[in-house]
Amino acid sequence: MAEQTPDAVFRILIKADIQRVWHELTKTDAAQGAVFNAWLHTRGGLVPGAAMQMRTGTGKHVLVVGEVVEFNPPHRFVHTHRFTQHDDPVCQVAYELKQVGASVEVTLRVIGMPPGTATAKSMQGGGTMILNNLKSIAETGRPSLGIRLMYLMFDWLEFVLPAKTQSRHWPL
């Protein structure tokens, strides 16, 4: 059996309605500002077994591929996760939302990361950023200025993404 790192668990309290937070994490009609401004695409909707991708705004590159494992609005969304630029094994990402008074507790859990991989390193560093961005968007309507500038740079530098991430290599 392959060795795995312990689950990476990130948690934050957001002063917003649970439906607003849920929509931000599952929308397919706009960029997901909390998740690196990527666009969530699926075939057949967000239902268990459906293929999904996170793409750049132009749609020319696929950043993440996966499959919906669980979809229980507005409390739990689980999907498999594989970065297209790495040849690492698949892991799972679980978002769990719980109403706590006037706030929503959001837990982001990354399950089954193989140790020492680029995916594990990216997920360990990205979890806090995703939740902080989600909090900012849900509470103020947009990510911080620094994040917006970073996303602008992502757009400008899309051409440097590896050729293996091009959408033609990842049909949905």
Protein backbone atom coordinates (compact mmCIF):
# COMPACT_ATOMS: atom_id res chain seq x y z
CA MET A 1 0.00 0.00 0.00
CA ALA A 2 1.37 3.42 -0.98
CA GLU A 3 2.33 5.78 1.81
CA GLN A 4 0.13 8.85 2.21
CA THR A 5 0.52 12.08 4.08
CA PRO A 6 -2.05 12.78 6.77
CA ASP A 7 -5.10 14.65 5.54
CA ALA A 8 -4.45 18.36 5.18
CA VAL A 9 -7.23 20.15 7.05
CA PHE A 10 -7.92 23.86 6.76
CA ARG A 11 -10.76 25.65 8.56
CA ILE A 12 -12.17 29.17 8.61
CA LEU A 13 -15.22 31.00 9.95
CA ILE A 14 -16.97 33.25 7.41
CA LYS A 15 -19.56 35.88 8.28
CA ALA A 16 -21.95 35.16 5.43
CA ASP A 17 -25.00 33.13 4.49
CA ILE A 18 -24.28 29.45 3.87
CA GLN A 19 -25.92 29.63 0.41
CA ARG A 20 -23.57 32.46 -0.61
CA VAL A 21 -20.51 30.48 0.47
CA TRP A 22 -21.82 27.31 -1.20
CA HIS A 23 -22.48 29.16 -4.46
CA GLU A 24 -18.93 30.56 -4.48
CA LEU A 25 -17.49 27.04 -4.22
CA THR A 26 -19.76 25.36 -6.76
CA LYS A 27 -20.59 27.97 -9.39
CA THR A 28 -19.99 27.04 -13.01
CA ASP A 29 -21.12 30.29 -14.63
CA ALA A 30 -18.24 32.50 -13.49
CA ALA A 31 -14.64 32.28 -12.35
CA GLN A 32 -14.11 30.90 -8.88
CA GLY A 33 -12.28 33.74 -7.22
CA ALA A 34 -11.52 31.61 -4.19
CA VAL A 35 -9.91 28.87 -6.28
CA PHE A 36 -7.26 30.73 -8.26
CA ASN A 37 -9.87 32.33 -10.52
CA ALA A 38 -10.37 29.04 -12.37
CA TRP A 39 -13.64 28.10 -14.06
CA LEU A 40 -15.39 24.92 -12.95
CA HIS A 41 -16.66 22.85 -15.89
CA THR A 42 -18.58 19.59 -15.70
CA ARG A 43 -20.37 17.23 -18.00
CA GLY A 44 -23.82 16.44 -16.66
CA GLY A 45 -23.73 18.81 -13.69
CA LEU A 46 -22.34 18.42 -10.22
CA VAL A 47 -23.58 14.91 -9.53
CA PRO A 48 -21.61 11.93 -8.25
CA GLY A 49 -19.68 10.32 -11.07
CA ALA A 50 -19.61 13.45 -13.25
CA ALA A 51 -16.26 14.45 -14.73
CA MET A 52 -15.10 17.94 -13.82
CA GLN A 53 -12.30 20.33 -14.67
CA MET A 54 -10.90 23.61 -13.45
CA ARG A 55 -9.87 25.68 -16.48
CA THR A 56 -8.24 29.00 -17.12
CA GLY A 57 -10.52 31.90 -18.03
CA THR A 58 -9.72 31.53 -21.72
CA GLY A 59 -10.50 27.81 -21.55
CA LYS A 60 -7.22 27.08 -23.34
CA HIS A 61 -5.73 25.22 -20.38
CA VAL A 62 -7.04 22.70 -17.87
CA LEU A 63 -5.47 23.08 -14.44
CA VAL A 64 -7.26 20.30 -12.55
CA VAL A 65 -9.22 17.21 -13.57
CA GLY A 66 -11.42 15.13 -11.33
CA GLU A 67 -14.73 13.48 -10.71
CA VAL A 68 -17.54 14.48 -8.38
CA VAL A 69 -17.67 12.00 -5.49
CA GLU A 70 -20.33 13.62 -3.30
CA PHE A 71 -22.59 16.63 -3.74
CA ASN A 72 -24.86 17.48 -0.82
CA PRO A 73 -25.93 21.16 -1.05
CA PRO A 74 -25.17 23.30 0.87
CA HIS A 75 -23.07 21.20 3.22
CA ARG A 76 -20.62 18.92 1.45
CA PHE A 77 -18.84 18.78 -1.92
CA VAL A 78 -16.18 16.13 -2.52
CA HIS A 79 -14.25 15.53 -5.73
CA THR A 80 -11.15 13.76 -6.89
CA HIS A 81 -8.28 16.06 -7.77
CA ARG A 82 -5.30 15.83 -10.10
CA PHE A 83 -3.19 18.72 -11.35
CA THR A 84 -2.72 18.30 -15.09
CA GLN A 85 0.83 19.63 -15.01
CA HIS A 86 1.98 16.90 -12.60
CA ASP A 87 1.99 13.14 -13.01
CA ASP A 88 1.07 12.64 -9.35
CA PRO A 89 -1.59 10.22 -8.12
CA VAL A 90 -5.14 11.44 -7.58
CA CYS A 91 -6.26 12.72 -4.19
CA GLN A 92 -9.62 14.00 -2.95
CA VAL A 93 -10.77 17.46 -1.95
CA ALA A 94 -13.71 17.84 0.44
CA TYR A 95 -15.47 21.09 1.29
CA GLU A 96 -17.67 20.89 4.39
CA LEU A 97 -19.92 23.82 5.38
CA LYS A 98 -21.66 24.16 8.74
CA GLN A 99 -23.81 27.05 9.95
CA VAL A 100 -22.46 28.43 13.25
CA GLY A 101 -24.74 31.25 14.40
CA ALA A 102 -24.53 34.05 11.84
CA SER A 103 -21.38 32.55 10.30
CA VAL A 104 -20.39 29.52 8.27
CA GLU A 105 -17.56 27.24 9.31
CA VAL A 106 -15.82 25.96 6.19
CA THR A 107 -13.48 23.00 6.38
CA LEU A 108 -11.31 22.15 3.40
CA ARG A 109 -9.89 18.65 3.68
CA VAL A 110 -7.38 17.15 1.25
CA ILE A 111 -7.45 13.38 1.50
CA GLY A 112 -4.93 10.85 0.21
CA MET A 113 -2.02 13.04 -0.82
CA PRO A 114 1.06 10.99 -1.67
CA PRO A 115 4.01 12.37 0.34
CA GLY A 116 6.76 14.35 -1.28
CA THR A 117 4.83 15.14 -4.46
CA ALA A 118 4.33 18.49 -6.15
CA THR A 119 0.60 18.02 -5.53
CA ALA A 120 1.10 17.62 -1.78
CA LYS A 121 3.29 20.73 -1.66
CA SER A 122 0.78 22.78 -3.68
CA MET A 123 -2.20 21.61 -1.65
CA GLN A 124 -0.49 22.28 1.69
CA GLY A 125 0.27 25.84 0.59
CA GLY A 126 -2.96 26.50 -1.28
CA GLY A 127 -5.57 25.47 1.30
CA THR A 128 -5.21 28.51 3.53
CA MET A 129 -5.14 30.83 0.53
CA ILE A 130 -8.34 29.32 -0.89
CA LEU A 131 -10.21 29.72 2.39
CA ASN A 132 -8.94 33.27 2.96
CA ASN A 133 -10.04 34.20 -0.57
CA LEU A 134 -13.42 32.55 0.00
CA LYS A 135 -13.87 34.56 3.20
CA SER A 136 -12.98 37.83 1.48
CA ILE A 137 -15.33 37.18 -1.44
CA ALA A 138 -18.24 36.02 0.72
CA GLU A 139 -17.88 38.91 3.17
CA THR A 140 -16.89 41.79 0.85
CA GLY A 141 -17.81 40.66 -2.65
CA ARG A 142 -14.25 40.33 -3.98
CA PRO A 143 -10.78 39.01 -3.21
CA SER A 144 -8.14 41.32 -1.75
CA LEU A 145 -6.27 43.73 -4.02
CA GLY A 146 -3.13 41.58 -3.82
CA ILE A 147 -5.04 38.49 -4.97
CA ARG A 148 -6.74 40.42 -7.78
CA LEU A 149 -3.32 41.57 -8.99
CA MET A 150 -2.01 38.01 -8.77
CA TYR A 151 -4.95 36.79 -10.88
CA LEU A 152 -4.22 39.49 -13.44
CA MET A 153 -0.65 38.18 -13.65
CA PHE A 154 -2.01 34.63 -14.06
CA ASP A 155 -4.03 35.84 -17.05
CA TRP A 156 -1.06 37.61 -18.61
CA LEU A 157 1.25 34.65 -18.07
CA GLU A 158 -1.10 31.87 -19.17
CA PHE A 159 1.13 31.31 -22.20
CA VAL A 160 3.88 29.89 -19.95
CA LEU A 161 1.73 26.98 -18.73
CA PRO A 162 3.10 23.60 -19.84
CA ALA A 163 1.82 22.32 -23.18
CA LYS A 164 0.51 19.20 -21.43
CA THR A 165 -2.14 21.39 -19.71
CA GLN A 166 -3.70 22.50 -23.00
CA SER A 167 -7.42 21.69 -23.18
CA ARG A 168 -6.98 19.58 -26.31
CA HIS A 169 -5.16 17.02 -24.12
CA TRP A 170 -8.01 16.91 -21.57
CA PRO A 171 -11.37 16.39 -23.31
CA LEU A 172 -14.30 16.58 -20.92
